[in-house]
Amino acid sequence: MVEPLKECSVTTPEDVEEGEKLLKAGAVGCLLLAGGEGSRLGWGEPKGSFPIQGKSLFEIAAEKVVKNSARVKKKLQLAIMTSPRNDFATREFFKENDNFGLAEQQLDFFTQEMEPLLDLSKQPLNEKGPSGNGRALHLLSRSGIYDKWKKKGVELISIIPIDNPLADPFEPGFLGAMRREHADVAIRVIKRESPAEEVGVLGLEGGKLRILEYFEVEDAENWPFAHTGLIAFTMDFAEKVRDREMPIHFARKEREGKEIFKQETFLFDLLAFAEKPIARLYLRESCFAPLKSPEDIESVCDAYALRVKQSI
């Protein structure tokens, strides 16, 4: 039985110091989940090309890699997971913008898989959709990027979604906590705004961390912590799970006026294979402003502008 996570630690100055050591050694690679399209935003291009405060989401993510690389004097790595639907457009967008200052040896792309869409009887339709992010580590390995990173001394894979411009893959306190705790998986969490907030929630099962979808819990007010989608894995853990089967979730969606099921896998299901996962608590305004719908645009722009102002 999964019970709510009631307490969560924050990072310490010692964590920050340890994280800086990892970055200066080039031991952290960023995996950007960017298979999404901008259709819900009324944007006919890859979601990563959507502008926030005069910069595309892709530029904002790449800028974090470029700036941190310059700061630690090490070319940190970026891998971008696209979908077959937006892979070409994404690669072209980067080419047209000179890779946003990234050196060629820092940047790699690979595509996620597609699964058939299903009708409400869960019978396959004649159309496929992206299969979620659950096999991102499998595909990173299959693409050859894992081996490249291993040779470069990468030890931790820091994963961020494209739709969150506040996501920092190189936050030293988070990475340092992972190293100091000898954790194989680490998750950044925030306090939920309300029981009605539609975010994954953190729980414990047998003393180990678990993440549940918000609709999987009945007593929503008793689950205080939310999953931000910011998660990191050790390279050794990625190697361990590369051939694991992932459970399929059936997400009910509306498409062209009809309700369908989309088959998806989720990275957080890998927690079941973790020996020592940890969670660290962050302020919402420091790391979490996801862009999901047109209604989010103004608040996301404001949150990003405030974060930039605070970092100057």
Protein backbone atom coordinates (compact mmCIF):
# COMPACT_ATOMS: atom_id res chain seq x y z
CA MET A 1 0.00 0.00 0.00
CA VAL A 2 1.29 3.45 -0.92
CA GLU A 3 1.01 6.07 1.82
CA PRO A 4 1.49 9.84 1.43
CA LEU A 5 4.97 11.27 1.84
CA LYS A 6 4.60 13.61 4.82
CA GLU A 7 8.11 15.04 5.21
CA CYS A 8 10.81 16.00 2.72
CA SER A 9 14.36 17.26 3.21
CA VAL A 10 15.88 20.33 1.60
CA THR A 11 19.37 20.64 0.18
CA THR A 12 22.30 21.83 2.28
CA PRO A 13 25.45 23.91 1.64
CA GLU A 14 27.38 20.64 1.68
CA ASP A 15 25.15 19.34 -1.10
CA VAL A 16 25.86 22.45 -3.17
CA GLU A 17 29.60 22.01 -2.69
CA GLU A 18 29.44 18.38 -3.78
CA GLY A 19 27.28 19.25 -6.78
CA GLU A 20 29.77 21.87 -7.93
CA LYS A 21 32.48 19.22 -7.89
CA LEU A 22 30.37 17.01 -10.14
CA LEU A 23 29.75 19.83 -12.60
CA LYS A 24 33.39 20.88 -12.72
CA ALA A 25 34.26 17.29 -13.56
CA GLY A 26 31.72 17.26 -16.41
CA ALA A 27 29.97 14.39 -14.65
CA VAL A 28 26.37 15.51 -15.34
CA GLY A 29 24.49 15.21 -18.62
CA CYS A 30 21.11 16.79 -19.38
CA LEU A 31 18.34 14.83 -21.07
CA LEU A 32 15.63 17.15 -22.43
CA LEU A 33 12.23 15.57 -23.04
CA ALA A 34 10.95 17.40 -26.12
CA GLY A 35 8.66 15.05 -28.02
CA GLY A 36 5.66 17.30 -27.58
CA GLU A 37 3.87 19.31 -30.23
CA GLY A 38 2.38 22.73 -29.64
CA SER A 39 -1.15 21.84 -30.73
CA ARG A 40 -2.76 22.57 -27.36
CA LEU A 41 -1.16 26.02 -27.50
CA GLY A 42 -2.41 26.63 -31.03
CA TRP A 43 1.21 26.33 -32.16
CA GLY A 44 1.85 24.28 -35.28
CA GLU A 45 5.51 23.65 -34.56
CA PRO A 46 7.45 21.63 -31.95
CA LYS A 47 6.48 22.79 -28.48
CA GLY A 48 10.11 23.68 -27.80
CA SER A 49 9.97 26.42 -30.43
CA PHE A 50 7.22 28.25 -28.54
CA PRO A 51 8.39 31.72 -27.38
CA ILE A 52 8.56 32.78 -23.73
CA GLN A 53 9.71 36.36 -23.07
CA GLY A 54 11.31 36.59 -26.50
CA LYS A 55 13.11 33.24 -26.32
CA SER A 56 11.99 29.82 -27.47
CA LEU A 57 11.75 27.06 -24.88
CA PHE A 58 14.59 25.36 -26.76
CA GLU A 59 16.79 28.44 -26.42
CA ILE A 60 16.02 28.70 -22.71
CA ALA A 61 17.05 25.07 -22.15
CA ALA A 62 20.17 25.30 -24.32
CA GLU A 63 21.20 28.52 -22.59
CA LYS A 64 21.37 26.68 -19.26
CA VAL A 65 23.82 24.19 -20.78
CA VAL A 66 25.93 26.91 -22.43
CA LYS A 67 26.10 29.13 -19.34
CA ASN A 68 26.90 26.32 -16.94
CA SER A 69 29.52 24.95 -19.32
CA ALA A 70 31.22 28.34 -19.38
CA ARG A 71 30.96 28.67 -15.60
CA VAL A 72 32.57 25.31 -14.80
CA LYS A 73 34.89 25.38 -17.85
CA LYS A 74 33.63 22.01 -19.05
CA LYS A 75 31.49 21.19 -22.08
CA LEU A 76 28.40 19.73 -20.43
CA GLN A 77 26.30 17.36 -22.51
CA LEU A 78 22.74 17.77 -23.82
CA ALA A 79 20.63 15.02 -25.38
CA ILE A 80 17.17 15.85 -26.74
CA MET A 81 14.44 13.24 -27.03
CA THR A 82 12.10 14.16 -29.88
CA SER A 83 9.19 12.25 -31.40
CA PRO A 84 8.95 11.01 -34.98
CA ARG A 85 6.42 13.80 -35.53
CA ASN A 86 8.71 16.67 -34.57
CA ASP A 87 12.23 15.26 -34.93
CA PHE A 88 13.07 16.85 -38.30
CA ALA A 89 11.57 20.22 -37.37
CA THR A 90 13.44 20.22 -34.07
CA ARG A 91 16.80 19.46 -35.64
CA GLU A 92 16.20 22.13 -38.29
CA PHE A 93 15.24 24.66 -35.63
CA PHE A 94 18.55 24.09 -33.87
CA LYS A 95 20.49 24.32 -37.14
CA GLU A 96 18.78 27.57 -38.08
CA ASN A 97 19.78 29.01 -34.70
CA ASP A 98 23.39 27.73 -34.74
CA ASN A 99 22.58 25.29 -31.96
CA PHE A 100 22.09 28.27 -29.61
CA GLY A 101 25.80 28.39 -28.91
CA LEU A 102 26.25 24.69 -28.18
CA ALA A 103 29.30 23.00 -29.66
CA GLU A 104 28.52 20.12 -32.00
CA GLN A 105 30.10 17.59 -29.63
CA GLN A 106 27.77 18.71 -26.82
CA LEU A 107 24.48 18.06 -28.60
CA ASP A 108 22.68 14.84 -29.55
CA PHE A 109 19.17 13.89 -30.63
CA PHE A 110 17.17 10.68 -30.52
CA THR A 111 13.49 9.86 -31.02
CA GLN A 112 10.94 8.28 -28.73
CA GLU A 113 8.72 5.44 -29.84
CA MET A 114 5.14 5.49 -31.11
CA GLU A 115 2.24 3.27 -30.01
CA PRO A 116 -1.17 2.76 -31.61
CA LEU A 117 -3.99 4.95 -30.35
CA LEU A 118 -6.93 2.93 -29.03
CA ASP A 119 -10.68 3.31 -29.13
CA LEU A 120 -12.69 3.19 -25.90
CA SER A 121 -12.76 -0.61 -26.17
CA LYS A 122 -8.95 -0.46 -26.25
CA GLN A 123 -8.82 -1.70 -29.82
CA PRO A 124 -6.08 -0.19 -32.02
CA LEU A 125 -6.93 2.63 -34.40
CA ASN A 126 -5.12 3.36 -37.66
CA GLU A 127 -2.99 6.04 -36.01
CA LYS A 128 -0.11 6.15 -33.60
CA GLY A 129 0.95 8.62 -30.93
CA PRO A 130 4.15 9.23 -28.91
CA SER A 131 4.48 6.62 -26.18
CA GLY A 132 5.42 8.82 -23.24
CA ASN A 133 8.77 9.28 -21.53
CA GLY A 134 9.07 5.98 -19.66
CA ARG A 135 11.59 4.47 -22.07
CA ALA A 136 13.82 7.53 -22.32
CA LEU A 137 16.72 5.79 -20.59
CA HIS A 138 16.27 2.69 -22.75
CA LEU A 139 16.40 4.79 -25.91
CA LEU A 140 19.32 6.91 -24.69
CA SER A 141 21.26 3.67 -24.37
CA ARG A 142 20.09 2.24 -27.69
CA SER A 143 21.02 5.45 -29.53
CA GLY A 144 24.68 5.19 -28.54
CA ILE A 145 24.54 8.43 -26.52
CA TYR A 146 24.89 6.50 -23.27
CA ASP A 147 28.23 5.06 -24.41
CA LYS A 148 29.40 8.49 -25.56
CA TRP A 149 28.52 10.02 -22.20
CA LYS A 150 30.15 7.18 -20.32
CA LYS A 151 33.44 7.79 -22.16
CA LYS A 152 33.21 11.49 -21.29
CA GLY A 153 32.89 10.70 -17.59
CA VAL A 154 29.17 11.44 -17.15
CA GLU A 155 27.88 9.88 -13.93
CA LEU A 156 24.43 11.46 -13.49
CA ILE A 157 21.60 11.97 -15.99
CA SER A 158 19.51 15.02 -15.13
CA ILE A 159 16.15 15.02 -16.88
CA ILE A 160 13.95 18.05 -17.57
CA PRO A 161 10.76 18.52 -19.63
CA ILE A 162 10.72 21.10 -22.42
CA ASP A 163 7.55 22.78 -21.16
CA ASN A 164 9.07 24.08 -17.90
CA PRO A 165 11.36 27.10 -18.51
CA LEU A 166 12.32 27.19 -14.82
CA ALA A 167 13.82 23.71 -14.95
CA ASP A 168 17.56 23.77 -14.22
CA PRO A 169 19.28 20.46 -15.02
CA PHE A 170 22.48 21.58 -13.29
CA GLU A 171 21.15 22.68 -9.89
CA PRO A 172 24.19 21.78 -7.74
CA GLY A 173 22.36 21.24 -4.45
CA PHE A 174 20.10 18.61 -5.99
CA LEU A 175 22.95 16.80 -7.73
CA GLY A 176 25.19 16.99 -4.68
CA ALA A 177 22.48 15.58 -2.43
CA MET A 178 22.18 12.66 -4.79
CA ARG A 179 25.93 11.99 -4.62
CA ARG A 180 26.24 12.47 -0.85
CA GLU A 181 23.25 10.16 -0.18
CA HIS A 182 24.56 7.55 -2.65
CA ALA A 183 21.12 7.66 -4.30
CA ASP A 184 20.43 6.01 -7.64
CA VAL A 185 17.38 8.20 -8.32
CA ALA A 186 16.55 11.71 -7.10
CA ILE A 187 13.35 13.72 -7.50
CA ARG A 188 12.65 17.42 -7.01
CA VAL A 189 9.32 18.01 -5.31
CA ILE A 190 7.23 21.03 -4.36
CA LYS A 191 4.30 21.59 -2.02
CA ARG A 192 0.95 21.22 -3.71
CA GLU A 193 -1.09 24.38 -4.11
CA SER A 194 -4.35 22.60 -3.34
CA PRO A 195 -5.88 19.09 -3.28
CA ALA A 196 -7.35 19.88 -6.70
CA GLU A 197 -3.99 20.53 -8.37
CA GLU A 198 -3.54 18.07 -11.23
CA VAL A 199 0.02 16.89 -10.58
CA GLY A 200 1.63 13.60 -9.64
CA VAL A 201 1.94 13.06 -5.89
CA LEU A 202 4.71 11.55 -3.76
CA GLY A 203 4.17 8.52 -1.58
CA LEU A 204 5.98 5.75 0.26
CA GLU A 205 5.59 2.02 -0.25
CA GLY A 206 7.61 -0.19 2.02
CA GLY A 207 9.75 2.82 2.93
CA LYS A 208 10.59 3.60 -0.73
CA LEU A 209 9.45 6.53 -2.82
CA ARG A 210 6.60 6.14 -5.26
CA ILE A 211 4.80 8.60 -7.53
CA LEU A 212 1.09 8.32 -8.24
CA GLU A 213 -1.04 10.24 -10.69
CA TYR A 214 -3.34 12.72 -8.94
CA PHE A 215 -6.43 10.80 -10.10
CA GLU A 216 -5.15 7.59 -8.50
CA VAL A 217 -5.62 8.88 -4.94
CA GLU A 218 -8.99 9.37 -3.26
CA ASP A 219 -8.00 11.45 -0.21
CA ALA A 220 -6.22 14.16 -2.24
CA GLU A 221 -5.93 16.56 0.70
CA ASN A 222 -3.60 14.12 2.51
CA TRP A 223 -0.91 14.15 -0.22
CA PRO A 224 1.16 17.33 0.38
CA PHE A 225 3.99 16.91 -2.12
CA ALA A 226 3.93 17.15 -5.92
CA HIS A 227 6.30 15.69 -8.51
CA THR A 228 7.83 18.42 -10.71
CA GLY A 229 9.00 16.11 -13.49
CA LEU A 230 12.59 17.01 -12.55
CA ILE A 231 14.34 13.74 -11.92
CA ALA A 232 17.90 12.41 -12.07
CA PHE A 233 19.36 8.92 -12.43
CA THR A 234 22.84 7.53 -12.12
CA MET A 235 24.38 6.12 -15.26
CA ASP A 236 24.69 2.78 -13.47
CA PHE A 237 20.96 2.78 -12.81
CA ALA A 238 20.26 3.55 -16.47
CA GLU A 239 22.39 0.55 -17.41
CA LYS A 240 20.50 -1.64 -14.93
CA VAL A 241 17.04 -0.80 -16.29
CA ARG A 242 17.85 -0.60 -19.99
CA ASP A 243 15.99 -3.83 -20.81
CA ARG A 244 13.21 -3.61 -18.22
CA GLU A 245 9.62 -3.80 -19.39
CA MET A 246 7.65 -0.69 -18.52
CA PRO A 247 3.97 -0.73 -17.50
CA ILE A 248 1.60 0.95 -19.93
CA HIS A 249 -0.79 3.65 -18.75
CA PHE A 250 -3.95 4.37 -20.70
CA ALA A 251 -4.58 8.11 -20.85
CA ARG A 252 -8.05 9.15 -21.97
CA LYS A 253 -7.80 11.97 -24.52
CA GLU A 254 -10.04 13.84 -26.92
CA ARG A 255 -8.90 13.83 -30.53
CA GLU A 256 -10.83 15.36 -33.42
CA GLY A 257 -14.02 15.36 -31.38
CA LYS A 258 -13.68 11.71 -30.32
CA GLU A 259 -12.48 10.19 -27.07
CA ILE A 260 -9.60 7.76 -27.37
CA PHE A 261 -6.96 6.09 -25.23
CA LYS A 262 -3.31 6.98 -25.63
CA GLN A 263 -0.75 4.36 -24.53
CA GLU A 264 2.04 5.88 -22.45
CA THR A 265 4.91 4.87 -20.22
CA PHE A 266 6.29 7.12 -17.48
CA LEU A 267 9.78 7.58 -16.10
CA PHE A 268 8.54 7.61 -12.53
CA ASP A 269 7.65 3.91 -12.82
CA LEU A 270 11.41 3.25 -12.76
CA LEU A 271 11.31 4.03 -9.03
CA ALA A 272 10.19 0.44 -8.57
CA PHE A 273 13.72 -0.66 -9.55
CA ALA A 274 15.59 1.90 -7.46
CA GLU A 275 17.55 0.79 -4.41
CA LYS A 276 17.86 4.24 -2.85
CA PRO A 277 15.66 6.96 -4.31
CA ILE A 278 15.57 10.36 -2.58
CA ALA A 279 13.41 13.46 -2.80
CA ARG A 280 14.38 17.07 -2.16
CA LEU A 281 11.94 19.90 -1.53
CA TYR A 282 12.13 23.13 -3.56
CA LEU A 283 10.13 26.34 -3.69
CA ARG A 284 7.65 26.28 -6.56
CA GLU A 285 8.84 29.64 -7.89
CA SER A 286 12.41 28.37 -8.17
CA CYS A 287 11.78 25.41 -10.46
CA PHE A 288 8.19 24.81 -11.57
CA ALA A 289 6.14 26.71 -14.17
CA PRO A 290 4.86 24.18 -16.73
CA LEU A 291 3.30 25.38 -19.96
CA LYS A 292 0.38 23.07 -20.71
CA SER A 293 -2.35 25.25 -22.23
CA PRO A 294 -3.00 28.79 -23.50
CA GLU A 295 -4.29 29.69 -20.03
CA ASP A 296 -0.77 29.10 -18.65
CA ILE A 297 1.10 31.42 -21.01
CA GLU A 298 0.86 34.63 -18.99
CA SER A 299 1.74 33.04 -15.65
CA VAL A 300 4.64 31.08 -17.15
CA CYS A 301 6.04 34.23 -18.79
CA ASP A 302 5.77 36.09 -15.48
CA ALA A 303 7.41 33.27 -13.55
CA TYR A 304 10.29 33.04 -16.02
CA ALA A 305 10.81 36.82 -16.05
CA LEU A 306 10.92 36.89 -12.25
CA ARG A 307 13.37 34.00 -12.14
CA VAL A 308 15.67 35.72 -14.65
CA LYS A 309 15.53 38.94 -12.64
CA GLN A 310 16.44 37.09 -9.44
CA SER A 311 19.45 35.42 -11.11
CA ILE A 312 20.99 38.66 -12.39
